[in-house]
Amino acid sequence: MTENRQSLSQNRREFLLFIAASTVIAPATRAWARQLAASHDSLPTNPKDLLQVMDFEEVARKALPPAHWGYMATGVDDDLTLKANVEAFKHIGLKPRRLVDVSHADLSVDVFGSKWETPIFVAPVSSQLAFHPQGELATARAARERRHQMILSSTTSTSVEEVAKAYGKAPWYQLYMPRKWEDNATLVKRVEDTGCPALVWTVDTLAGRNTPTLIRFARQDPRDCVACHFNGPGTRIHEPMYEGLSNAGINPPEATWEYVDRLKKITRMKVLVKGLDGGDDARLAVEHGADGIIVSNHGGRATETLRATIDCLPEVVEAVNERVPVFVDGGFRHGTDIYKALASGARGVGIGRPYVWGLSAFGQEGVERVLEILRAELTLTMRQMGTPTVRDITTALIIRAPAK
């Protein structure tokens, strides 16, 4: 695999040098290719050489063109909520217990009657062909090899049927609801027929969002984007899950809690609501039949709330009162971060940008390495904390700094 990675790296560099030397390509694009080829020489070629999740960020940035990096890196407004997601973990301390038998660690959790080997799941990320030629297929194979639950984005660049083959089973499916209800019913049936056990409706971007960081990076990109964006820069690329539908758009801003009721009536899949960050909405979700909740602010890409998901989690857990499982994503970069979420009541923890950094830099091997690091760090933290099983992790083992 390492030899294949080195060969791919060399081929990519040669292709960039070919573009840089071409006389029929725009000068700005040739300059971009020369710059990227130069930085390519210093990139690590083996993901095993990277020791922490954050090591992958800069490698991914150098591997990607500006617009694709900006799409992944952007938050909303001043990116403050994005940063808050990461920074908030620094204000939660750990209280380890000593002289506990931690010779064996069990990371497994029960989710809807199924056993997950680890509470770390692969969160949905759109358009992964923008980050690597194998896109979602590489992610699915990595999740299969490392035995993690995967949630596939509605705006996947590879169909759910193909991803299910690569993953070895149908993944959970994250829903960006079509504007037209008939289209939504058709899409939900397709997903259910594939065998997906859970439908995760994302509700935190129904009103749109402001992403200036994305726009700034896109303006730095000299490439002609027509090859990917068939209708020009800024338009959506190929989205196989919406083929055959009416093209009426997605994310209905008129949606209400009644839509959860309607979803429950048209599918046997578990229905989770993703994008909640408060107790009032969590209670409403349960009242309307949601089978689970994912506390999320879209990685800081929805609304500039300045509230980290790890800080929102306890309120949601308290409101739900164990009636349904609560999951969380947003800003997780270390095993200790994941531990703090489990101690705060999360059943599972989603990873987004980190595995996409790994995908961008090394393909499937990069995703596997990111998951390997996080799992190893969580295992070590559990042992150091005197909690050899996830069931042993409680709120008594963390200390939250008082609000200023």
Protein backbone atom coordinates (compact mmCIF):
# COMPACT_ATOMS: atom_id res chain seq x y z
CA MET A 1 0.00 0.00 0.00
CA THR A 2 2.87 2.37 0.84
CA GLU A 3 4.48 1.68 -2.55
CA ASN A 4 1.16 2.43 -4.25
CA ARG A 5 0.90 5.67 -2.28
CA GLN A 6 4.43 6.69 -3.29
CA SER A 7 3.67 5.88 -6.93
CA LEU A 8 0.47 7.94 -6.79
CA SER A 9 2.40 10.80 -5.19
CA GLN A 10 5.02 10.72 -7.93
CA ASN A 11 2.35 10.57 -10.66
CA ARG A 12 0.56 13.56 -9.15
CA ARG A 13 3.79 15.56 -9.04
CA GLU A 14 4.59 14.69 -12.67
CA PHE A 15 1.09 15.73 -13.72
CA LEU A 16 1.48 19.08 -11.94
CA LEU A 17 4.82 19.64 -13.68
CA PHE A 18 3.18 18.81 -17.02
CA ILE A 19 0.52 21.48 -16.39
CA ALA A 20 3.17 23.97 -15.30
CA ALA A 21 5.07 23.46 -18.58
CA SER A 22 2.06 23.52 -20.90
CA THR A 23 1.81 26.42 -23.35
CA VAL A 24 -1.94 26.00 -23.88
CA ILE A 25 -2.98 26.46 -20.25
CA ALA A 26 -3.60 29.86 -18.68
CA PRO A 27 -0.53 31.42 -17.01
CA ALA A 28 -2.28 31.67 -13.63
CA THR A 29 -3.05 27.95 -13.70
CA ARG A 30 0.55 27.13 -14.68
CA ALA A 31 1.82 29.22 -11.76
CA TRP A 32 -0.52 27.44 -9.38
CA ALA A 33 0.70 24.05 -10.66
CA ARG A 34 4.39 25.05 -10.22
CA GLN A 35 3.69 26.18 -6.65
CA LEU A 36 1.81 23.00 -5.78
CA ALA A 37 4.48 20.78 -7.34
CA ALA A 38 7.15 22.53 -5.26
CA SER A 39 5.23 22.05 -2.04
CA HIS A 40 4.48 18.46 -3.06
CA ASP A 41 8.17 17.55 -2.74
CA SER A 42 8.07 18.16 1.01
CA LEU A 43 4.86 16.23 1.73
CA PRO A 44 5.09 13.06 3.83
CA THR A 45 4.42 9.96 1.76
CA ASN A 46 3.51 7.60 4.60
CA PRO A 47 0.58 8.35 6.94
CA LYS A 48 2.31 6.34 9.66
CA ASP A 49 4.82 9.20 9.93
CA LEU A 50 2.06 11.47 11.27
CA LEU A 51 1.54 11.12 15.00
CA GLN A 52 -1.51 13.25 15.81
CA VAL A 53 -4.69 14.17 14.00
CA MET A 54 -3.65 17.82 13.66
CA ASP A 55 -0.53 16.72 11.74
CA PHE A 56 -2.82 15.92 8.81
CA GLU A 57 -4.24 19.42 8.47
CA GLU A 58 -1.27 21.10 6.81
CA VAL A 59 -0.56 18.08 4.59
CA ALA A 60 -4.15 18.20 3.34
CA ARG A 61 -3.97 21.94 2.76
CA LYS A 62 -0.90 21.54 0.55
CA ALA A 63 -2.47 18.65 -1.34
CA LEU A 64 -5.69 20.45 -2.26
CA PRO A 65 -6.40 23.34 -4.64
CA PRO A 66 -7.55 26.52 -2.86
CA ALA A 67 -11.28 26.24 -3.59
CA HIS A 68 -11.49 22.66 -2.37
CA TRP A 69 -9.54 23.50 0.77
CA GLY A 70 -11.77 26.50 1.40
CA TYR A 71 -14.91 24.39 1.06
CA MET A 72 -13.69 22.11 3.84
CA ALA A 73 -12.05 24.77 6.03
CA THR A 74 -14.82 27.37 6.07
CA GLY A 75 -17.07 28.19 8.96
CA VAL A 76 -19.63 30.99 8.83
CA ASP A 77 -19.13 34.72 9.34
CA ASP A 78 -15.80 35.07 11.23
CA ASP A 79 -15.38 31.29 11.79
CA LEU A 80 -15.70 31.87 15.53
CA THR A 81 -18.08 28.97 16.19
CA LEU A 82 -15.79 26.67 14.25
CA LYS A 83 -12.93 27.74 16.53
CA ALA A 84 -15.11 27.54 19.64
CA ASN A 85 -15.84 23.88 18.92
CA VAL A 86 -12.14 23.09 19.23
CA GLU A 87 -11.23 25.53 22.00
CA ALA A 88 -14.02 24.49 24.38
CA PHE A 89 -12.32 21.20 25.24
CA LYS A 90 -9.52 23.17 26.91
CA HIS A 91 -11.98 24.28 29.58
CA ILE A 92 -12.94 20.77 30.65
CA GLY A 93 -10.60 18.98 33.02
CA LEU A 94 -10.29 15.28 33.81
CA LYS A 95 -10.35 13.60 37.24
CA PRO A 96 -8.59 10.23 36.88
CA ARG A 97 -9.09 7.31 39.27
CA ARG A 98 -6.06 5.20 40.13
CA LEU A 99 -5.41 1.54 41.01
CA VAL A 100 -8.19 0.20 38.83
CA ASP A 101 -7.61 -2.92 36.73
CA VAL A 102 -7.31 -1.44 33.24
CA SER A 103 -5.45 -4.32 31.60
CA HIS A 104 -8.28 -4.66 29.09
CA ALA A 105 -10.23 -1.78 27.55
CA ASP A 106 -13.67 -2.24 26.01
CA LEU A 107 -14.73 0.65 23.75
CA SER A 108 -17.99 -0.93 22.60
CA VAL A 109 -21.37 0.79 22.88
CA ASP A 110 -24.92 -0.35 22.17
CA VAL A 111 -26.81 1.64 19.54
CA PHE A 112 -30.38 0.64 18.70
CA GLY A 113 -29.68 -2.93 19.74
CA SER A 114 -26.49 -3.22 17.69
CA LYS A 115 -22.99 -3.32 19.09
CA TRP A 116 -20.57 -0.70 17.84
CA GLU A 117 -16.97 -1.70 18.45
CA THR A 118 -16.13 1.94 19.19
CA PRO A 119 -18.21 5.07 19.85
CA ILE A 120 -16.26 6.96 17.17
CA PHE A 121 -18.28 7.27 13.96
CA VAL A 122 -17.49 8.73 10.54
CA ALA A 123 -19.67 11.83 10.19
CA PRO A 124 -21.21 12.84 6.85
CA VAL A 125 -19.10 15.10 4.63
CA SER A 126 -20.25 16.20 1.17
CA SER A 127 -18.59 15.82 -2.23
CA GLN A 128 -15.56 13.76 -1.23
CA LEU A 129 -14.35 13.41 -4.81
CA ALA A 130 -13.24 17.01 -4.32
CA PHE A 131 -10.66 15.71 -1.85
CA HIS A 132 -9.44 12.47 -3.42
CA PRO A 133 -10.03 10.53 -6.67
CA GLN A 134 -11.65 7.66 -4.72
CA GLY A 135 -13.79 9.97 -2.58
CA GLU A 136 -16.46 8.28 -0.49
CA LEU A 137 -15.34 4.82 -1.59
CA ALA A 138 -11.97 5.33 0.11
CA THR A 139 -13.71 6.55 3.25
CA ALA A 140 -16.11 3.60 3.24
CA ARG A 141 -13.29 1.08 2.85
CA ALA A 142 -11.37 2.73 5.68
CA ALA A 143 -14.42 2.68 7.96
CA ARG A 144 -14.93 -0.99 7.11
CA GLU A 145 -11.30 -1.90 7.77
CA ARG A 146 -11.20 -0.02 11.09
CA ARG A 147 -14.75 -1.12 12.02
CA HIS A 148 -16.40 2.25 12.53
CA GLN A 149 -19.97 3.28 11.83
CA MET A 150 -20.29 5.51 8.77
CA ILE A 151 -22.90 8.13 7.93
CA LEU A 152 -23.09 9.01 4.23
CA SER A 153 -23.98 12.54 3.13
CA SER A 154 -26.95 13.16 0.82
CA THR A 155 -24.63 15.29 -1.29
CA THR A 156 -22.25 12.39 -1.73
CA SER A 157 -20.40 12.27 -5.04
CA THR A 158 -20.85 8.47 -5.05
CA SER A 159 -24.22 6.72 -4.80
CA VAL A 160 -25.36 5.01 -1.62
CA GLU A 161 -25.51 1.71 -3.49
CA GLU A 162 -21.82 1.91 -4.48
CA VAL A 163 -20.78 3.07 -1.02
CA ALA A 164 -22.68 0.18 0.57
CA LYS A 165 -20.65 -2.27 -1.54
CA ALA A 166 -17.38 -0.66 -0.49
CA TYR A 167 -18.44 -0.48 3.16
CA GLY A 168 -19.65 -4.07 3.22
CA LYS A 169 -23.12 -3.06 4.40
CA ALA A 170 -25.47 -0.12 4.05
CA PRO A 171 -24.31 2.94 6.01
CA TRP A 172 -26.47 5.32 7.96
CA TYR A 173 -27.76 8.01 5.61
CA GLN A 174 -27.73 11.74 6.29
CA LEU A 175 -30.67 13.49 4.66
CA TYR A 176 -30.71 16.91 3.06
CA MET A 177 -34.43 16.90 2.40
CA PRO A 178 -35.62 17.78 -1.12
CA ARG A 179 -37.91 20.81 -1.27
CA LYS A 180 -40.65 18.77 -2.93
CA TRP A 181 -42.15 16.18 -0.56
CA GLU A 182 -42.75 13.68 -3.36
CA ASP A 183 -39.02 13.82 -4.16
CA ASN A 184 -38.23 13.31 -0.50
CA ALA A 185 -40.44 10.22 -0.33
CA THR A 186 -38.72 8.80 -3.43
CA LEU A 187 -35.26 9.44 -1.99
CA VAL A 188 -36.12 7.96 1.41
CA LYS A 189 -37.50 4.80 -0.24
CA ARG A 190 -34.33 4.43 -2.30
CA VAL A 191 -32.20 4.70 0.83
CA GLU A 192 -34.38 2.24 2.74
CA ASP A 193 -34.33 -0.23 -0.16
CA THR A 194 -30.52 -0.11 -0.05
CA GLY A 195 -30.71 -1.39 3.52
CA CYS A 196 -29.71 1.73 5.45
CA PRO A 197 -30.83 1.24 9.06
CA ALA A 198 -30.98 4.91 10.05
CA LEU A 199 -31.93 8.23 8.46
CA VAL A 200 -30.24 11.35 9.86
CA TRP A 201 -32.14 14.51 8.91
CA THR A 202 -29.90 17.59 9.10
CA VAL A 203 -31.90 20.67 10.09
CA ASP A 204 -29.33 23.38 10.87
CA THR A 205 -28.85 24.80 7.35
CA LEU A 206 -32.45 25.09 6.18
CA ALA A 207 -32.23 28.89 6.14
CA GLY A 208 -28.90 29.07 4.28
CA ARG A 209 -25.54 30.27 5.58
CA ASN A 210 -22.82 32.88 5.08
CA THR A 211 -19.38 31.43 4.21
CA PRO A 212 -16.89 34.21 3.39
CA THR A 213 -13.85 32.01 4.08
CA LEU A 214 -14.96 29.64 1.33
CA ILE A 215 -15.44 32.55 -1.09
CA ARG A 216 -12.02 34.02 -0.32
CA PHE A 217 -10.25 30.72 -1.01
CA ALA A 218 -12.27 30.19 -4.18
CA ARG A 219 -11.10 33.59 -5.46
CA GLN A 220 -7.49 32.44 -5.01
CA ASP A 221 -8.08 29.41 -7.22
CA PRO A 222 -6.96 29.99 -10.83
CA ARG A 223 -8.40 26.76 -12.22
CA ASP A 224 -11.28 26.43 -14.65
CA CYS A 225 -13.95 24.73 -12.53
CA VAL A 226 -16.25 23.70 -15.38
CA ALA A 227 -14.84 20.16 -15.33
CA CYS A 228 -16.36 19.64 -11.87
CA HIS A 229 -19.06 22.29 -11.66
CA PHE A 230 -20.98 21.72 -14.87
CA ASN A 231 -22.83 25.03 -14.64
CA GLY A 232 -19.81 27.06 -13.61
CA PRO A 233 -18.03 27.90 -10.33
CA GLY A 234 -20.26 28.08 -7.28
CA THR A 235 -22.85 25.61 -8.57
CA ARG A 236 -23.30 22.12 -7.21
CA ILE A 237 -21.30 19.28 -8.77
CA HIS A 238 -22.67 15.87 -9.71
CA GLU A 239 -24.94 14.54 -6.95
CA PRO A 240 -26.10 11.00 -7.77
CA MET A 241 -28.62 10.79 -4.92
CA TYR A 242 -30.77 13.50 -6.49
CA GLU A 243 -30.79 12.02 -10.00
CA GLY A 244 -34.29 11.42 -11.32
CA LEU A 245 -35.90 13.90 -8.95
CA SER A 246 -37.62 17.13 -9.95
CA ASN A 247 -34.60 19.40 -9.40
CA ALA A 248 -36.73 21.61 -7.15
CA GLY A 249 -33.82 22.07 -4.71
CA ILE A 250 -33.09 20.86 -1.19
CA ASN A 251 -33.45 22.08 2.41
CA PRO A 252 -37.04 23.39 2.70
CA PRO A 253 -36.99 26.56 4.82
CA GLU A 254 -40.70 26.06 5.51
CA ALA A 255 -40.03 22.79 7.38
CA THR A 256 -41.50 22.40 10.89
CA TRP A 257 -41.58 19.67 13.52
CA GLU A 258 -44.46 18.16 11.57
CA TYR A 259 -41.87 17.00 9.05
CA VAL A 260 -40.43 14.61 11.65
CA ASP A 261 -43.90 13.09 12.02
CA ARG A 262 -44.16 12.76 8.25
CA LEU A 263 -40.73 11.13 7.97
CA LYS A 264 -41.66 8.59 10.61
CA LYS A 265 -44.75 7.63 8.61
CA ILE A 266 -42.92 6.88 5.36
CA THR A 267 -40.00 4.77 6.61
CA ARG A 268 -39.10 1.89 8.89
CA MET A 269 -35.60 3.28 9.37
CA LYS A 270 -34.64 4.91 12.63
CA VAL A 271 -35.02 8.68 12.26
CA LEU A 272 -32.49 10.96 13.95
CA VAL A 273 -32.46 14.75 13.95
CA LYS A 274 -29.03 16.31 13.43
CA GLY A 275 -28.22 19.95 14.15
CA LEU A 276 -29.84 20.57 17.55
CA ASP A 277 -27.98 22.38 20.31
CA GLY A 278 -30.55 23.09 23.03
CA GLY A 279 -32.88 21.35 25.45
CA ASP A 280 -36.13 22.81 24.13
CA ASP A 281 -35.58 21.47 20.62
CA ALA A 282 -34.34 18.16 22.00
CA ARG A 283 -37.59 17.69 23.92
CA LEU A 284 -39.62 18.55 20.82
CA ALA A 285 -37.64 16.07 18.75
CA VAL A 286 -38.47 13.28 21.17
CA GLU A 287 -42.12 14.32 21.37
CA HIS A 288 -42.36 14.08 17.58
CA GLY A 289 -40.92 10.59 17.52
CA ALA A 290 -37.24 11.10 16.75
CA ASP A 291 -35.27 7.96 17.58
CA GLY A 292 -32.07 9.87 18.31
CA ILE A 293 -30.42 13.29 18.29
CA ILE A 294 -27.06 14.46 17.00
CA VAL A 295 -25.88 17.60 18.75
CA SER A 296 -24.18 19.54 15.98
CA ASN A 297 -23.61 23.01 14.58
CA HIS A 298 -22.42 21.67 11.23
CA GLY A 299 -18.79 21.99 12.30
CA GLY A 300 -19.32 25.72 12.84
CA ARG A 301 -20.78 26.00 9.32
CA ALA A 302 -24.43 26.75 10.17
CA THR A 303 -24.92 29.80 12.42
CA GLU A 304 -22.36 31.90 14.30
CA THR A 305 -23.77 30.94 17.72
CA LEU A 306 -20.38 31.03 19.49
CA ARG A 307 -21.53 27.90 21.37
CA ALA A 308 -19.38 24.77 21.13
CA THR A 309 -21.21 21.49 20.74
CA ILE A 310 -19.39 19.98 23.74
CA ASP A 311 -20.89 22.80 25.84
CA CYS A 312 -24.37 22.26 24.38
CA LEU A 313 -24.30 18.51 24.93
CA PRO A 314 -25.17 18.37 28.67
CA GLU A 315 -28.33 20.45 28.18
CA VAL A 316 -29.55 18.15 25.42
CA VAL A 317 -28.72 15.00 27.39
CA GLU A 318 -30.62 16.33 30.41
CA ALA A 319 -33.66 17.25 28.30
CA VAL A 320 -33.77 13.85 26.60
CA ASN A 321 -33.47 12.06 29.96
CA GLU A 322 -32.32 8.76 28.42
CA ARG A 323 -35.41 8.40 26.22
CA VAL A 324 -33.28 8.30 23.05
CA PRO A 325 -29.53 8.14 22.44
CA VAL A 326 -27.67 11.43 21.97
CA PHE A 327 -24.67 11.74 19.66
CA VAL A 328 -22.39 14.71 19.03
CA ASP A 329 -19.90 16.06 16.49
CA GLY A 330 -17.88 19.24 16.09
CA GLY A 331 -14.26 20.00 16.91
CA PHE A 332 -13.03 16.59 18.06
CA ARG A 333 -9.28 16.32 17.53
CA HIS A 334 -8.04 14.10 20.40
CA GLY A 335 -9.02 10.98 22.28
CA THR A 336 -9.43 13.11 25.39
CA ASP A 337 -12.01 15.21 23.53
CA ILE A 338 -14.00 12.07 22.74
CA TYR A 339 -13.73 10.94 26.36
CA LYS A 340 -15.14 14.27 27.58
CA ALA A 341 -18.14 13.86 25.27
CA LEU A 342 -18.79 10.33 26.54
CA ALA A 343 -18.53 11.63 30.12
CA SER A 344 -21.07 14.31 29.20
CA GLY A 345 -23.61 11.71 28.09
CA ALA A 346 -22.94 11.14 24.39
CA ARG A 347 -23.53 7.65 23.03
CA GLY A 348 -21.26 8.25 20.05
CA VAL A 349 -18.91 10.92 18.70
CA GLY A 350 -18.66 11.96 15.04
CA ILE A 351 -15.43 12.85 13.27
CA GLY A 352 -15.58 15.12 10.21
CA ARG A 353 -12.71 17.34 9.09
CA PRO A 354 -9.93 15.12 10.56
CA TYR A 355 -10.72 12.11 8.41
CA VAL A 356 -11.15 14.35 5.35
CA TRP A 357 -7.66 15.71 6.01
CA GLY A 358 -6.47 12.11 5.98
CA LEU A 359 -8.45 11.40 2.81
CA SER A 360 -7.05 14.47 1.06
CA ALA A 361 -3.47 13.63 1.98
CA PHE A 362 -3.34 9.85 1.64
CA GLY A 363 -6.68 8.43 0.49
CA GLN A 364 -7.98 5.37 2.30
CA GLU A 365 -4.72 4.93 4.23
CA GLY A 366 -5.02 8.46 5.56
CA VAL A 367 -8.58 7.93 6.80
CA GLU A 368 -7.52 4.68 8.45
CA ARG A 369 -4.57 6.37 10.16
CA VAL A 370 -6.75 9.17 11.55
CA LEU A 371 -9.22 6.64 12.96
CA GLU A 372 -6.35 4.55 14.31
CA ILE A 373 -4.87 7.54 16.15
CA LEU A 374 -8.16 8.61 17.71
CA ARG A 375 -9.04 5.10 18.77
CA ALA A 376 -5.61 4.55 20.33
CA GLU A 377 -5.82 7.89 22.16
CA LEU A 378 -9.30 7.11 23.48
CA THR A 379 -8.17 3.66 24.66
CA LEU A 380 -5.19 5.18 26.46
CA THR A 381 -7.35 7.88 28.05
CA MET A 382 -9.86 5.32 29.31
CA ARG A 383 -7.08 3.30 30.92
CA GLN A 384 -5.40 6.34 32.42
CA MET A 385 -8.73 7.50 33.80
CA GLY A 386 -9.44 4.17 35.51
CA THR A 387 -12.44 3.46 33.27
CA PRO A 388 -11.81 0.28 31.27
CA THR A 389 -15.29 0.31 29.69
CA VAL A 390 -17.43 3.08 28.24
CA ARG A 391 -20.06 2.25 30.87
CA ASP A 392 -17.57 3.35 33.53
CA ILE A 393 -17.29 6.86 32.11
CA THR A 394 -19.48 9.33 34.03
CA THR A 395 -19.81 13.07 34.60
CA ALA A 396 -18.04 12.65 37.94
CA LEU A 397 -14.77 12.28 36.01
CA ILE A 398 -14.79 15.71 34.35
CA ILE A 399 -14.65 19.26 35.69
CA ARG A 400 -16.07 22.11 33.65
CA ALA A 401 -14.61 25.55 34.18
CA PRO A 402 -17.24 27.99 35.53
CA ALA A 403 -18.73 30.38 32.98
CA LYS A 404 -17.08 33.79 32.94
